[in-house]
């Protein structure tokens, strides 16, 4: 993982923390996304009323998801630095079933992983939560990358994914695509423009949404038995220096190297690119199969899904950000 990838991750964390504080969003620690969405939506309405700006609550609501997901990550600041070659091996995994009991083995359920082969994004925050009664597992994914032509702007893309117990990886990624297609059908609400066609949205929306597939595969590998994971320890003086709004500080992140040795071993055995067996690659053995995920329920009456593309300054924040968000907004 490069210093630039880490810098953007830490900047996203700092900016969303500032947003939470400025608009009165609560700390997401210990809350589910549904609980956080409900309380933060009230904060959005209050902020719009104080600013006497009708409709602003819908713009601000687009930031609930990243504020929640990145805020959860802020508790541990865990970075899983997946080896680039190992990521490609994971993405080459055949379709497999996903099981909640496997994913519940995750030692940490909020983490950041680098993204390499993307024009728009260079990393993603991943949040995993479980609904045991319904046997669903929720994946909250926030991609982050630099905005074109500006060092101070950052592009965010939020993606939900869910699957029922024993559902396939392909079905889980398809659920996100269906969600996005439903969102794209809503063109404009109270003056807020949304992409008129899917082609207006970055390529991440194509097909089975490869970033969702990568996030689920990485989470599943981390939950497998004996994964190739190594904590990179360092002294305080060696921690990365992060500068935000002119203030420099050393951030205590917890970086892990993932898949480096496994990728080398795989290459030796396979002598080149080859398809993995059904069920994928694991640490010792891929912990069986796995599956289940549910971030959002289907929209009922009075709900709207908006992929909102905005560039805006919020309150006292010095920087501007470009957001491409999916939000469930209750009218």
Protein backbone atom coordinates (compact mmCIF):
# COMPACT_ATOMS: atom_id res chain seq x y z
CA UNK A 1 0.00 0.00 0.00
CA UNK A 2 1.35 3.41 -0.94
CA UNK A 3 1.66 6.47 1.27
CA UNK A 4 -0.90 8.22 -0.95
CA UNK A 5 -3.45 5.46 -0.39
CA UNK A 6 -2.97 5.76 3.37
CA UNK A 7 -3.10 9.56 3.24
CA UNK A 8 -6.44 9.54 1.47
CA UNK A 9 -7.83 7.00 3.95
CA UNK A 10 -6.77 9.16 6.90
CA UNK A 11 -8.10 12.30 5.23
CA UNK A 12 -11.45 10.63 4.65
CA UNK A 13 -11.50 9.67 8.31
CA UNK A 14 -10.67 13.20 9.45
CA UNK A 15 -13.21 14.86 7.15
CA UNK A 16 -16.10 12.55 8.06
CA UNK A 17 -15.27 12.97 11.74
CA UNK A 18 -15.45 16.72 11.25
CA UNK A 19 -18.77 16.32 9.45
CA UNK A 20 -20.18 14.23 12.30
CA UNK A 21 -19.13 16.80 14.87
CA UNK A 22 -20.30 19.82 12.90
CA UNK A 23 -23.79 18.53 12.17
CA UNK A 24 -24.36 16.70 15.45
CA UNK A 25 -24.15 13.13 14.18
CA UNK A 26 -23.49 10.73 17.03
CA UNK A 27 -20.50 8.42 17.33
CA UNK A 28 -21.41 5.24 15.41
CA UNK A 29 -19.59 2.92 17.81
CA UNK A 30 -21.92 0.16 19.00
CA UNK A 31 -24.75 1.12 16.65
CA UNK A 32 -26.15 -0.66 13.62
CA UNK A 33 -26.46 1.21 10.35
CA UNK A 34 -30.24 1.25 10.70
CA UNK A 35 -30.02 2.81 14.17
CA UNK A 36 -27.47 5.36 13.02
CA UNK A 37 -29.45 6.24 9.92
CA UNK A 38 -32.54 7.00 11.99
CA UNK A 39 -30.82 9.32 14.48
CA UNK A 40 -28.66 11.04 11.84
CA UNK A 41 -31.62 11.72 9.55
CA UNK A 42 -33.11 13.86 12.34
CA UNK A 43 -29.81 15.76 12.52
CA UNK A 44 -30.02 16.41 8.78
CA UNK A 45 -33.50 17.90 9.11
CA UNK A 46 -32.39 20.07 12.05
CA UNK A 47 -29.34 21.33 10.14
CA UNK A 48 -31.45 22.28 7.11
CA UNK A 49 -33.88 24.16 9.32
CA UNK A 50 -31.11 26.08 11.10
CA UNK A 51 -29.53 27.00 7.77
CA UNK A 52 -32.95 27.87 6.33
CA UNK A 53 -32.07 25.78 3.28
CA UNK A 54 -34.98 23.53 2.25
CA UNK A 55 -33.78 20.34 0.60
CA UNK A 56 -30.33 20.45 2.20
CA UNK A 57 -31.33 17.60 4.50
CA UNK A 58 -31.36 15.31 1.46
CA UNK A 59 -27.88 16.40 0.42
CA UNK A 60 -26.58 15.91 3.93
CA UNK A 61 -28.30 12.54 4.24
CA UNK A 62 -26.02 11.27 1.48
CA UNK A 63 -23.17 11.49 3.98
CA UNK A 64 -24.73 9.33 6.68
CA UNK A 65 -23.41 6.11 5.18
CA UNK A 66 -19.72 7.19 4.96
CA UNK A 67 -19.89 8.90 8.34
CA UNK A 68 -21.10 5.62 9.82
CA UNK A 69 -18.77 3.25 7.98
CA UNK A 70 -15.60 5.33 8.33
CA UNK A 71 -16.55 6.29 11.88
CA UNK A 72 -16.70 2.61 12.82
CA UNK A 73 -13.25 2.14 11.27
CA UNK A 74 -11.92 5.01 13.38
CA UNK A 75 -12.30 2.85 16.50
CA UNK A 76 -9.45 0.50 15.53
CA UNK A 77 -7.88 2.05 12.39
CA UNK A 78 -7.15 -1.41 11.05
CA UNK A 79 -5.54 -1.59 7.61
CA UNK A 80 -5.35 -4.94 5.82
CA UNK A 81 -2.67 -4.41 3.21
CA UNK A 82 -3.62 -7.16 0.79
CA UNK A 83 -0.80 -8.13 -1.53
CA UNK A 84 -1.60 -6.99 -5.08
CA UNK A 85 -0.97 -10.41 -6.63
CA UNK A 86 -3.00 -12.06 -3.90
CA UNK A 87 -5.95 -9.76 -4.60
CA UNK A 88 -5.88 -10.91 -8.21
CA UNK A 89 -5.85 -14.54 -7.06
CA UNK A 90 -8.85 -13.89 -4.82
CA UNK A 91 -10.75 -12.21 -7.64
CA UNK A 92 -10.10 -15.28 -9.79
CA UNK A 93 -11.94 -17.47 -7.28
CA UNK A 94 -14.85 -19.48 -8.66
CA UNK A 95 -18.34 -18.70 -7.39
CA UNK A 96 -18.98 -19.96 -3.87
CA UNK A 97 -21.64 -19.98 -1.18
CA UNK A 98 -21.32 -17.59 1.76
CA UNK A 99 -22.21 -18.53 5.34
CA UNK A 100 -22.71 -16.21 8.27
CA UNK A 101 -21.07 -18.47 10.83
CA UNK A 102 -17.81 -18.24 8.86
CA UNK A 103 -17.87 -14.45 8.61
CA UNK A 104 -18.57 -14.18 12.34
CA UNK A 105 -15.01 -15.41 12.84
CA UNK A 106 -13.72 -12.06 11.62
CA UNK A 107 -11.38 -10.73 14.30
CA UNK A 108 -12.14 -7.16 13.21
CA UNK A 109 -15.32 -6.15 11.39
CA UNK A 110 -14.25 -2.68 10.25
CA UNK A 111 -11.17 -2.35 8.09
CA UNK A 112 -9.54 -0.56 5.17
CA UNK A 113 -8.02 -2.34 2.19
CA UNK A 114 -6.10 -0.88 -0.78
CA UNK A 115 -7.55 -0.97 -4.28
CA UNK A 116 -5.09 -1.19 -7.16
CA UNK A 117 -6.65 -1.60 -10.60
CA UNK A 118 -9.05 1.33 -10.48
CA UNK A 119 -9.03 4.65 -12.28
CA UNK A 120 -11.28 6.38 -9.74
CA UNK A 121 -10.49 4.85 -6.35
CA UNK A 122 -7.44 3.59 -4.46
CA UNK A 123 -8.94 2.07 -1.34
CA UNK A 124 -12.11 1.01 0.44
CA UNK A 125 -13.52 0.97 3.95
CA UNK A 126 -15.47 -2.17 4.77
CA UNK A 127 -18.01 -2.61 7.58
CA UNK A 128 -19.59 -5.97 8.39
CA UNK A 129 -22.59 -6.47 10.65
CA UNK A 130 -24.90 -9.40 11.30
CA UNK A 131 -28.63 -9.89 11.66
CA UNK A 132 -28.71 -13.28 13.31
CA UNK A 133 -32.49 -13.58 13.49
CA UNK A 134 -32.82 -13.22 9.73
CA UNK A 135 -29.45 -14.91 9.10
CA UNK A 136 -28.20 -12.01 7.04
CA UNK A 137 -24.79 -10.34 6.92
CA UNK A 138 -24.48 -6.69 5.96
CA UNK A 139 -21.54 -5.26 4.03
CA UNK A 140 -21.11 -1.50 4.05
CA UNK A 141 -18.47 -0.42 1.54
CA UNK A 142 -17.08 3.08 1.06
CA UNK A 143 -14.61 3.55 -1.77
CA UNK A 144 -12.35 6.59 -1.60
CA UNK A 145 -10.04 8.21 -4.12
CA UNK A 146 -8.64 11.55 -5.23
CA UNK A 147 -10.87 13.94 -7.15
CA UNK A 148 -9.54 14.71 -10.60
CA UNK A 149 -7.60 17.96 -10.82
CA UNK A 150 -7.66 18.77 -7.10
CA UNK A 151 -5.41 17.69 -4.27
CA UNK A 152 -7.95 18.77 -1.64
CA UNK A 153 -11.05 17.05 -3.01
CA UNK A 154 -11.90 13.42 -2.41
CA UNK A 155 -14.33 11.15 -4.17
CA UNK A 156 -16.47 8.77 -2.15
CA UNK A 157 -18.64 5.97 -3.43
CA UNK A 158 -20.89 4.02 -1.06
CA UNK A 159 -22.12 0.54 -1.91
CA UNK A 160 -24.40 -1.81 0.04
CA UNK A 161 -24.32 -5.57 -0.38
CA UNK A 162 -26.29 -8.36 1.22
CA UNK A 163 -26.96 -12.08 0.84
CA UNK A 164 -29.12 -14.68 2.47
CA UNK A 165 -27.63 -17.72 4.14
CA UNK A 166 -25.95 -20.01 1.63
CA UNK A 167 -26.37 -17.42 -1.11
CA UNK A 168 -23.68 -17.38 -3.77
CA UNK A 169 -21.07 -14.67 -4.16
CA UNK A 170 -22.52 -13.84 -7.57
CA UNK A 171 -26.00 -13.40 -6.10
CA UNK A 172 -24.60 -11.13 -3.38
CA UNK A 173 -22.95 -8.83 -5.92
CA UNK A 174 -26.06 -8.93 -8.09
CA UNK A 175 -28.08 -7.60 -5.15
CA UNK A 176 -25.96 -4.44 -5.23
CA UNK A 177 -26.47 -4.04 -8.97
CA UNK A 178 -30.23 -4.32 -8.54
CA UNK A 179 -30.11 -1.75 -5.76
CA UNK A 180 -28.19 0.66 -7.98
CA UNK A 181 -30.55 0.18 -10.89
CA UNK A 182 -33.47 1.01 -8.62
CA UNK A 183 -31.66 4.12 -7.42
CA UNK A 184 -30.83 5.21 -10.97
CA UNK A 185 -34.54 5.19 -11.81
CA UNK A 186 -35.04 8.27 -9.66
CA UNK A 187 -33.90 11.26 -11.64
CA UNK A 188 -34.53 14.29 -9.50
CA UNK A 189 -36.02 14.99 -6.09
CA UNK A 190 -36.57 18.59 -4.93
CA UNK A 191 -33.92 19.93 -7.27
CA UNK A 192 -31.25 17.36 -6.45
CA UNK A 193 -29.94 16.00 -9.72
CA UNK A 194 -29.02 12.36 -10.10
CA UNK A 195 -27.42 10.67 -13.11
CA UNK A 196 -29.97 10.41 -15.92
CA UNK A 197 -28.49 7.16 -17.17
CA UNK A 198 -26.27 4.50 -15.65
CA UNK A 199 -23.51 5.49 -18.09
CA UNK A 200 -23.17 8.76 -16.18
CA UNK A 201 -21.99 6.85 -13.13
CA UNK A 202 -18.38 5.54 -12.77
CA UNK A 203 -17.63 2.10 -14.14
CA UNK A 204 -17.88 0.50 -10.70
CA UNK A 205 -21.60 0.17 -11.39
CA UNK A 206 -21.07 -2.13 -14.35
CA UNK A 207 -21.99 -5.80 -14.24
CA UNK A 208 -21.53 -7.49 -10.89
CA UNK A 209 -19.82 -4.52 -9.20
CA UNK A 210 -16.26 -5.88 -8.85
CA UNK A 211 -15.49 -3.80 -5.76
CA UNK A 212 -18.30 -5.49 -3.87
CA UNK A 213 -16.94 -8.87 -4.95
CA UNK A 214 -13.44 -7.89 -3.78
CA UNK A 215 -14.69 -6.64 -0.41
CA UNK A 216 -16.63 -9.84 0.30
CA UNK A 217 -13.76 -12.09 -0.83
CA UNK A 218 -11.28 -10.22 1.35
CA UNK A 219 -13.58 -10.43 4.36
CA UNK A 220 -14.17 -14.10 3.77
CA UNK A 221 -10.47 -14.85 3.49
CA UNK A 222 -9.76 -12.98 6.73
CA UNK A 223 -12.42 -15.14 8.42
CA UNK A 224 -10.95 -18.38 7.09
CA UNK A 225 -8.78 -20.70 9.15
CA UNK A 226 -5.11 -19.71 9.38
CA UNK A 227 -5.08 -16.87 6.86
CA UNK A 228 -1.74 -15.42 5.80
CA UNK A 229 -1.91 -12.28 7.97
CA UNK A 230 1.03 -10.55 9.65
CA UNK A 231 0.87 -7.53 11.96
CA UNK A 232 3.44 -4.88 11.06
CA UNK A 233 4.63 -3.53 14.38
CA UNK A 234 6.37 -0.17 14.71
CA UNK A 235 7.49 2.22 17.39
CA UNK A 236 5.60 5.46 17.99
CA UNK A 237 8.29 7.52 16.28
CA UNK A 238 7.85 5.40 13.13
CA UNK A 239 4.10 5.93 12.84
CA UNK A 240 2.99 7.74 9.68
CA UNK A 241 2.77 11.51 9.94
CA UNK A 242 -0.59 12.80 8.78
CA UNK A 243 -1.22 16.48 8.05
CA UNK A 244 -4.79 17.77 8.11
CA UNK A 245 -5.68 21.46 7.91
CA UNK A 246 -2.11 22.42 8.70
CA UNK A 247 -1.83 20.23 11.80
CA UNK A 248 0.58 17.30 11.78
CA UNK A 249 0.14 14.24 13.97
CA UNK A 250 1.28 10.65 14.10
CA UNK A 251 -1.62 8.25 13.62
CA UNK A 252 -1.67 4.92 15.44
CA UNK A 253 -2.96 2.70 12.65
CA UNK A 254 -2.81 -1.09 12.88
CA UNK A 255 -1.37 -2.32 9.56
CA UNK A 256 -1.46 -6.00 8.60
CA UNK A 257 0.20 -7.54 5.56
CA UNK A 258 -2.12 -10.10 3.96
CA UNK A 259 -1.46 -12.80 1.38
CA UNK A 260 2.17 -12.06 0.59
CA UNK A 261 3.45 -15.55 1.33
CA UNK A 262 0.29 -17.24 0.10
CA UNK A 263 0.63 -15.53 -3.30
CA UNK A 264 4.22 -16.71 -3.65
CA UNK A 265 3.30 -20.27 -2.69
CA UNK A 266 0.35 -20.28 -5.06
CA UNK A 267 2.52 -19.16 -7.96
CA UNK A 268 5.04 -21.89 -7.27
CA UNK A 269 2.39 -24.57 -7.30
CA UNK A 270 0.42 -23.29 -10.24
CA UNK A 271 3.28 -21.98 -12.38
CA UNK A 272 1.13 -19.20 -13.76
CA UNK A 273 -2.45 -18.05 -13.74
CA UNK A 274 -5.05 -20.76 -13.16
CA UNK A 275 -8.58 -20.93 -11.93
CA UNK A 276 -9.05 -21.75 -8.28
CA UNK A 277 -11.28 -24.64 -7.28
CA UNK A 278 -14.86 -23.93 -6.29
CA UNK A 279 -14.90 -22.58 -2.77
CA UNK A 280 -11.86 -20.41 -3.35
CA UNK A 281 -8.50 -20.05 -1.67
CA UNK A 282 -8.11 -20.15 2.10
CA UNK A 283 -5.53 -19.90 4.85
CA UNK A 284 -5.20 -23.58 5.63
CA UNK A 285 -8.46 -24.55 3.99
CA UNK A 286 -11.06 -21.94 3.19
CA UNK A 287 -13.25 -22.64 6.19
CA UNK A 288 -15.93 -24.36 4.18
CA UNK A 289 -18.35 -22.07 2.43
CA UNK A 290 -19.93 -18.92 3.67
CA UNK A 291 -22.72 -16.57 3.11
CA UNK A 292 -25.27 -14.04 4.16
CA UNK A 293 -25.56 -10.31 3.96
CA UNK A 294 -28.16 -7.58 4.35
CA UNK A 295 -27.46 -3.90 4.64
CA UNK A 296 -30.69 -2.35 3.51
CA UNK A 297 -34.13 -3.83 3.42
CA UNK A 298 -36.30 -3.32 0.36
CA UNK A 299 -37.79 0.13 0.25
CA UNK A 300 -41.24 0.53 1.65
CA UNK A 301 -43.66 3.38 1.16
CA UNK A 302 -42.12 6.79 1.75
CA UNK A 303 -38.52 5.77 1.03
CA UNK A 304 -36.24 6.80 -1.81
CA UNK A 305 -32.83 5.65 -3.03
CA UNK A 306 -30.70 8.42 -4.47
CA UNK A 307 -27.26 8.13 -6.09
CA UNK A 308 -26.29 11.74 -5.47
CA UNK A 309 -23.31 13.38 -7.16
CA UNK A 310 -22.45 16.63 -5.44
CA UNK A 311 -19.53 18.93 -4.75
CA UNK A 312 -20.12 21.11 -1.74
CA UNK A 313 -18.64 22.88 1.25
CA UNK A 314 -20.18 21.89 4.53
CA UNK A 315 -20.28 24.28 7.43
CA UNK A 316 -16.81 25.16 8.70
CA UNK A 317 -15.01 22.49 6.74
CA UNK A 318 -12.13 23.95 4.75
CA UNK A 319 -12.02 21.36 2.02
CA UNK A 320 -14.61 20.41 -0.52
CA UNK A 321 -15.43 16.83 -1.43
CA UNK A 322 -17.04 15.08 -4.32
CA UNK A 323 -19.60 12.54 -3.21
CA UNK A 324 -21.30 9.83 -5.20
CA UNK A 325 -23.53 8.38 -2.55
CA UNK A 326 -26.38 5.96 -2.27
CA UNK A 327 -28.71 6.93 0.51
CA UNK A 328 -31.94 5.64 1.86
CA UNK A 329 -33.82 8.82 2.58
CA UNK A 330 -37.12 8.74 4.43
CA UNK A 331 -39.49 11.49 3.40
